[in-house]
Amino acid sequence: MKLPEEGKLLRIFIGETDVYQGKALYEAIVLKARELNLAGATVFRGIMGFGAASRIHSIKLLRLSEDLPVMIEILDTGENIARILPFLDETVSEGLITMEEVKIIRYRSRKRK
């Protein structure tokens, strides 16, 4: 897939235990991005963070946090990113979604033989 030099980076901040239709919400988001043929999506699991409620989520607490922060990044053109926004509006009930312009330097994949 050839991407233009300018693109959009979508970031979705949610909790690790957030679910949608019986599966982890982060998994549902990545699978939806793939279904829509977006350029790529990556999930990052945080070791510490807090959100709008200012409650600390951390692996350093005496008990293991049950809801560590998760961030999903999705990169593509603005037009393609717009196609996943209705799904996010439906599924992300708590969290934060940001979008910014990015300069794409390189986007390649290994050739399959």
N, C-alpha and C. Protein backbone atom coordinates (compact mmCIF):
# COMPACT_ATOMS: atom_id res chain seq x y z
N MET A 1 0.84 -1.17 0.00
CA MET A 1 0.00 0.00 0.00
C MET A 1 0.89 1.24 0.00
N LYS A 2 0.61 2.15 -0.85
CA LYS A 2 1.35 3.41 -0.94
C LYS A 2 0.58 4.48 -0.18
N LEU A 3 1.23 5.11 0.78
CA LEU A 3 0.61 6.19 1.53
C LEU A 3 1.22 7.51 1.11
N PRO A 4 0.43 8.57 1.13
CA PRO A 4 0.99 9.89 0.84
C PRO A 4 1.93 10.31 1.97
N GLU A 5 2.65 11.37 1.74
CA GLU A 5 3.61 11.83 2.75
C GLU A 5 2.92 12.33 4.01
N GLU A 6 1.74 12.91 3.88
CA GLU A 6 1.01 13.41 5.05
C GLU A 6 -0.08 12.41 5.43
N GLY A 7 -0.23 12.19 6.73
CA GLY A 7 -1.24 11.26 7.20
C GLY A 7 -1.81 11.71 8.52
N LYS A 8 -2.64 10.87 9.10
CA LYS A 8 -3.25 11.14 10.40
C LYS A 8 -2.88 10.01 11.35
N LEU A 9 -2.60 10.38 12.58
CA LEU A 9 -2.33 9.42 13.64
C LEU A 9 -3.46 9.53 14.66
N LEU A 10 -4.18 8.45 14.82
CA LEU A 10 -5.29 8.38 15.77
C LEU A 10 -4.80 7.64 17.00
N ARG A 11 -5.03 8.21 18.17
CA ARG A 11 -4.67 7.55 19.43
C ARG A 11 -5.92 7.38 20.27
N ILE A 12 -6.11 6.16 20.76
CA ILE A 12 -7.26 5.85 21.59
C ILE A 12 -6.72 5.37 22.94
N PHE A 13 -7.10 6.06 24.01
CA PHE A 13 -6.67 5.71 25.37
C PHE A 13 -7.86 5.10 26.09
N ILE A 14 -7.71 3.84 26.49
CA ILE A 14 -8.79 3.13 27.19
C ILE A 14 -8.18 2.31 28.31
N GLY A 15 -9.01 1.56 29.01
CA GLY A 15 -8.55 0.65 30.05
C GLY A 15 -8.42 -0.76 29.52
N GLU A 16 -7.51 -1.49 30.11
CA GLU A 16 -7.23 -2.86 29.68
C GLU A 16 -8.46 -3.76 29.82
N THR A 17 -9.32 -3.48 30.78
CA THR A 17 -10.47 -4.36 31.01
C THR A 17 -11.73 -3.92 30.26
N ASP A 18 -11.66 -2.86 29.47
CA ASP A 18 -12.82 -2.43 28.68
C ASP A 18 -13.15 -3.52 27.66
N VAL A 19 -14.44 -3.81 27.52
CA VAL A 19 -14.85 -4.88 26.61
C VAL A 19 -15.91 -4.38 25.64
N TYR A 20 -16.00 -5.10 24.52
CA TYR A 20 -17.03 -4.86 23.51
C TYR A 20 -17.43 -6.21 22.95
N GLN A 21 -18.70 -6.54 23.09
CA GLN A 21 -19.26 -7.80 22.61
C GLN A 21 -18.43 -9.01 23.05
N GLY A 22 -18.07 -9.03 24.32
CA GLY A 22 -17.40 -10.18 24.91
C GLY A 22 -15.91 -10.29 24.67
N LYS A 23 -15.30 -9.32 23.97
CA LYS A 23 -13.85 -9.38 23.78
C LYS A 23 -13.24 -8.06 24.21
N ALA A 24 -11.94 -8.08 24.42
CA ALA A 24 -11.24 -6.87 24.84
C ALA A 24 -11.50 -5.76 23.81
N LEU A 25 -11.80 -4.57 24.30
CA LEU A 25 -12.10 -3.45 23.40
C LEU A 25 -10.92 -3.14 22.49
N TYR A 26 -9.70 -3.20 23.02
CA TYR A 26 -8.54 -2.92 22.17
C TYR A 26 -8.46 -3.91 21.02
N GLU A 27 -8.81 -5.15 21.28
CA GLU A 27 -8.80 -6.17 20.22
C GLU A 27 -9.89 -5.87 19.18
N ALA A 28 -11.06 -5.49 19.64
CA ALA A 28 -12.15 -5.16 18.71
C ALA A 28 -11.78 -3.98 17.82
N ILE A 29 -11.08 -3.00 18.39
CA ILE A 29 -10.68 -1.82 17.62
C ILE A 29 -9.65 -2.20 16.55
N VAL A 30 -8.67 -2.99 16.93
CA VAL A 30 -7.64 -3.41 15.96
C VAL A 30 -8.26 -4.26 14.85
N LEU A 31 -9.15 -5.17 15.21
CA LEU A 31 -9.79 -6.00 14.20
C LEU A 31 -10.67 -5.17 13.26
N LYS A 32 -11.32 -4.13 13.79
CA LYS A 32 -12.12 -3.25 12.95
C LYS A 32 -11.22 -2.46 12.01
N ALA A 33 -10.09 -1.99 12.50
CA ALA A 33 -9.13 -1.26 11.65
C ALA A 33 -8.65 -2.16 10.52
N ARG A 34 -8.39 -3.41 10.82
CA ARG A 34 -7.95 -4.36 9.79
C ARG A 34 -9.07 -4.62 8.79
N GLU A 35 -10.28 -4.80 9.29
CA GLU A 35 -11.44 -5.02 8.42
C GLU A 35 -11.63 -3.84 7.44
N LEU A 36 -11.34 -2.64 7.90
CA LEU A 36 -11.46 -1.44 7.07
C LEU A 36 -10.23 -1.20 6.20
N ASN A 37 -9.27 -2.13 6.24
CA ASN A 37 -8.04 -2.03 5.46
C ASN A 37 -7.23 -0.77 5.76
N LEU A 38 -7.21 -0.36 7.03
CA LEU A 38 -6.39 0.77 7.41
C LEU A 38 -4.92 0.35 7.38
N ALA A 39 -4.03 1.32 7.29
CA ALA A 39 -2.60 1.04 7.08
C ALA A 39 -1.98 0.25 8.22
N GLY A 40 -2.38 0.53 9.46
CA GLY A 40 -1.78 -0.21 10.57
C GLY A 40 -2.34 0.23 11.90
N ALA A 41 -2.25 -0.66 12.87
CA ALA A 41 -2.70 -0.37 14.24
C ALA A 41 -1.80 -1.12 15.20
N THR A 42 -1.49 -0.48 16.31
CA THR A 42 -0.65 -1.09 17.35
C THR A 42 -1.25 -0.79 18.71
N VAL A 43 -1.20 -1.78 19.61
CA VAL A 43 -1.69 -1.62 20.97
C VAL A 43 -0.49 -1.56 21.91
N PHE A 44 -0.50 -0.57 22.79
CA PHE A 44 0.54 -0.41 23.81
C PHE A 44 -0.12 -0.55 25.18
N ARG A 45 0.49 -1.34 26.05
CA ARG A 45 -0.01 -1.51 27.41
C ARG A 45 0.86 -0.67 28.33
N GLY A 46 0.23 0.21 29.08
CA GLY A 46 0.97 1.09 29.99
C GLY A 46 1.27 0.43 31.31
N ILE A 47 2.33 0.88 31.94
CA ILE A 47 2.66 0.35 33.27
C ILE A 47 2.14 1.26 34.38
N MET A 48 1.76 2.50 34.00
CA MET A 48 1.19 3.41 34.97
C MET A 48 0.49 4.55 34.25
N GLY A 49 -0.60 5.03 34.82
CA GLY A 49 -1.29 6.16 34.24
C GLY A 49 -2.52 6.53 35.03
N PHE A 50 -3.15 7.64 34.62
CA PHE A 50 -4.44 8.03 35.18
C PHE A 50 -5.22 8.77 34.12
N GLY A 51 -6.50 8.84 34.30
CA GLY A 51 -7.37 9.49 33.32
C GLY A 51 -8.23 10.55 33.97
N ALA A 52 -9.41 10.75 33.41
CA ALA A 52 -10.30 11.83 33.84
C ALA A 52 -10.70 11.71 35.31
N ALA A 53 -10.79 10.50 35.84
CA ALA A 53 -11.17 10.31 37.24
C ALA A 53 -9.98 10.48 38.19
N SER A 54 -8.78 10.68 37.66
CA SER A 54 -7.54 10.87 38.43
C SER A 54 -7.18 9.66 39.29
N ARG A 55 -7.72 8.50 38.97
CA ARG A 55 -7.38 7.28 39.70
C ARG A 55 -6.12 6.69 39.08
N ILE A 56 -5.11 6.42 39.91
CA ILE A 56 -3.85 5.86 39.43
C ILE A 56 -4.03 4.37 39.13
N HIS A 57 -3.58 3.97 37.96
CA HIS A 57 -3.54 2.56 37.57
C HIS A 57 -2.06 2.24 37.41
N SER A 58 -1.58 1.24 38.16
CA SER A 58 -0.15 0.96 38.13
C SER A 58 0.13 -0.49 38.46
N ILE A 59 1.20 -1.02 37.87
CA ILE A 59 1.65 -2.36 38.24
C ILE A 59 2.51 -2.30 39.49
N LYS A 60 2.82 -1.10 39.98
CA LYS A 60 3.68 -0.95 41.15
C LYS A 60 2.91 -0.99 42.46
N LEU A 61 1.59 -0.91 42.41
CA LEU A 61 0.81 -0.95 43.63
C LEU A 61 0.94 -2.32 44.29
N LEU A 62 0.66 -2.39 45.60
CA LEU A 62 0.79 -3.65 46.32
C LEU A 62 -0.03 -4.76 45.67
N ARG A 63 -1.24 -4.44 45.26
CA ARG A 63 -2.02 -5.41 44.52
C ARG A 63 -1.89 -5.06 43.04
N LEU A 64 -1.94 -6.05 42.20
CA LEU A 64 -1.84 -5.79 40.77
C LEU A 64 -3.07 -5.02 40.29
N SER A 65 -2.85 -3.97 39.55
CA SER A 65 -3.96 -3.21 39.00
C SER A 65 -4.72 -4.11 38.04
N GLU A 66 -6.04 -4.02 38.11
CA GLU A 66 -6.87 -4.82 37.23
C GLU A 66 -7.21 -4.09 35.94
N ASP A 67 -6.80 -2.85 35.84
CA ASP A 67 -7.21 -2.06 34.68
C ASP A 67 -6.08 -1.12 34.26
N LEU A 68 -5.02 -1.69 33.73
CA LEU A 68 -3.89 -0.87 33.29
C LEU A 68 -4.28 -0.07 32.06
N PRO A 69 -3.60 1.07 31.85
CA PRO A 69 -3.91 1.88 30.67
C PRO A 69 -3.47 1.20 29.38
N VAL A 70 -4.25 1.39 28.34
CA VAL A 70 -3.95 0.85 27.02
C VAL A 70 -4.10 1.99 26.01
N MET A 71 -3.16 2.05 25.07
CA MET A 71 -3.24 3.04 24.00
C MET A 71 -3.17 2.30 22.67
N ILE A 72 -4.07 2.63 21.77
CA ILE A 72 -4.07 2.06 20.43
C ILE A 72 -3.72 3.20 19.47
N GLU A 73 -2.74 2.97 18.61
CA GLU A 73 -2.39 3.94 17.58
C GLU A 73 -2.79 3.37 16.22
N ILE A 74 -3.45 4.19 15.43
CA ILE A 74 -3.85 3.82 14.08
C ILE A 74 -3.36 4.92 13.14
N LEU A 75 -2.70 4.52 12.07
CA LEU A 75 -2.15 5.48 11.12
C LEU A 75 -2.70 5.22 9.74
N ASP A 76 -3.10 6.29 9.06
CA ASP A 76 -3.55 6.19 7.67
C ASP A 76 -3.83 7.61 7.18
N THR A 77 -4.46 7.72 6.03
CA THR A 77 -4.87 9.03 5.53
C THR A 77 -6.06 9.51 6.37
N GLY A 78 -6.30 10.80 6.35
CA GLY A 78 -7.43 11.36 7.07
C GLY A 78 -8.75 10.77 6.61
N GLU A 79 -8.87 10.58 5.31
CA GLU A 79 -10.09 10.01 4.74
C GLU A 79 -10.34 8.59 5.27
N ASN A 80 -9.28 7.80 5.31
CA ASN A 80 -9.44 6.42 5.80
C ASN A 80 -9.67 6.38 7.31
N ILE A 81 -8.98 7.22 8.06
CA ILE A 81 -9.18 7.27 9.51
C ILE A 81 -10.63 7.64 9.82
N ALA A 82 -11.23 8.51 9.04
CA ALA A 82 -12.62 8.93 9.27
C ALA A 82 -13.59 7.76 9.23
N ARG A 83 -13.23 6.70 8.52
CA ARG A 83 -14.13 5.55 8.40
C ARG A 83 -14.26 4.76 9.70
N ILE A 84 -13.27 4.85 10.60
CA ILE A 84 -13.36 4.09 11.86
C ILE A 84 -13.98 4.92 12.99
N LEU A 85 -14.11 6.22 12.81
CA LEU A 85 -14.61 7.08 13.88
C LEU A 85 -16.02 6.72 14.35
N PRO A 86 -16.97 6.37 13.47
CA PRO A 86 -18.30 5.97 13.98
C PRO A 86 -18.23 4.72 14.88
N PHE A 87 -17.37 3.78 14.54
CA PHE A 87 -17.20 2.58 15.37
C PHE A 87 -16.66 2.97 16.74
N LEU A 88 -15.68 3.87 16.78
CA LEU A 88 -15.12 4.31 18.06
C LEU A 88 -16.15 5.06 18.88
N ASP A 89 -16.98 5.86 18.22
CA ASP A 89 -18.03 6.60 18.92
C ASP A 89 -19.00 5.63 19.59
N GLU A 90 -19.25 4.52 18.94
CA GLU A 90 -20.17 3.50 19.46
C GLU A 90 -19.53 2.69 20.60
N THR A 91 -18.24 2.41 20.52
CA THR A 91 -17.64 1.43 21.42
C THR A 91 -16.84 2.01 22.58
N VAL A 92 -16.30 3.21 22.44
CA VAL A 92 -15.46 3.79 23.50
C VAL A 92 -16.35 4.66 24.39
N SER A 93 -16.80 4.07 25.51
CA SER A 93 -17.68 4.82 26.42
C SER A 93 -16.88 5.63 27.43
N GLU A 94 -15.67 5.20 27.75
CA GLU A 94 -14.78 5.93 28.64
C GLU A 94 -13.40 5.94 28.01
N GLY A 95 -12.73 7.06 28.07
CA GLY A 95 -11.39 7.14 27.52
C GLY A 95 -11.16 8.45 26.82
N LEU A 96 -10.14 8.48 25.99
CA LEU A 96 -9.75 9.69 25.27
C LEU A 96 -9.33 9.29 23.86
N ILE A 97 -9.75 10.07 22.88
CA ILE A 97 -9.36 9.83 21.49
C ILE A 97 -8.76 11.13 20.96
N THR A 98 -7.56 11.04 20.39
CA THR A 98 -6.91 12.20 19.81
C THR A 98 -6.51 11.89 18.38
N MET A 99 -6.32 12.95 17.59
CA MET A 99 -5.85 12.77 16.23
C MET A 99 -4.90 13.91 15.91
N GLU A 100 -3.83 13.57 15.23
CA GLU A 100 -2.87 14.60 14.84
C GLU A 100 -2.32 14.30 13.46
N GLU A 101 -1.83 15.34 12.82
CA GLU A 101 -1.21 15.17 11.52
C GLU A 101 0.21 14.67 11.72
N VAL A 102 0.62 13.76 10.84
CA VAL A 102 1.98 13.21 10.90
C VAL A 102 2.59 13.21 9.51
N LYS A 103 3.89 13.23 9.49
CA LYS A 103 4.62 13.10 8.23
C LYS A 103 5.08 11.65 8.14
N ILE A 104 4.67 10.98 7.08
CA ILE A 104 5.02 9.58 6.89
C ILE A 104 6.35 9.52 6.15
N ILE A 105 7.34 8.92 6.79
CA ILE A 105 8.67 8.81 6.20
C ILE A 105 8.78 7.55 5.35
N ARG A 106 8.30 6.43 5.87
CA ARG A 106 8.41 5.17 5.15
C ARG A 106 7.30 4.23 5.61
N TYR A 107 6.72 3.50 4.68
CA TYR A 107 5.72 2.48 5.00
C TYR A 107 5.97 1.32 4.05
N ARG A 108 6.51 0.25 4.58
CA ARG A 108 6.86 -0.91 3.75
C ARG A 108 6.47 -2.20 4.46
N SER A 109 6.31 -3.22 3.69
CA SER A 109 6.10 -4.55 4.25
C SER A 109 7.00 -5.54 3.53
N ARG A 110 7.21 -6.65 4.18
CA ARG A 110 8.01 -7.70 3.53
C ARG A 110 7.21 -8.30 2.40
N LYS A 111 7.87 -8.59 1.34
CA LYS A 111 7.20 -9.26 0.21
C LYS A 111 7.02 -10.74 0.56
N ARG A 112 5.83 -11.24 0.37
CA ARG A 112 5.58 -12.67 0.61
C ARG A 112 5.96 -13.45 -0.62
N LYS A 113 6.58 -14.60 -0.40
CA LYS A 113 7.00 -15.44 -1.52
C LYS A 113 6.01 -16.54 -1.76
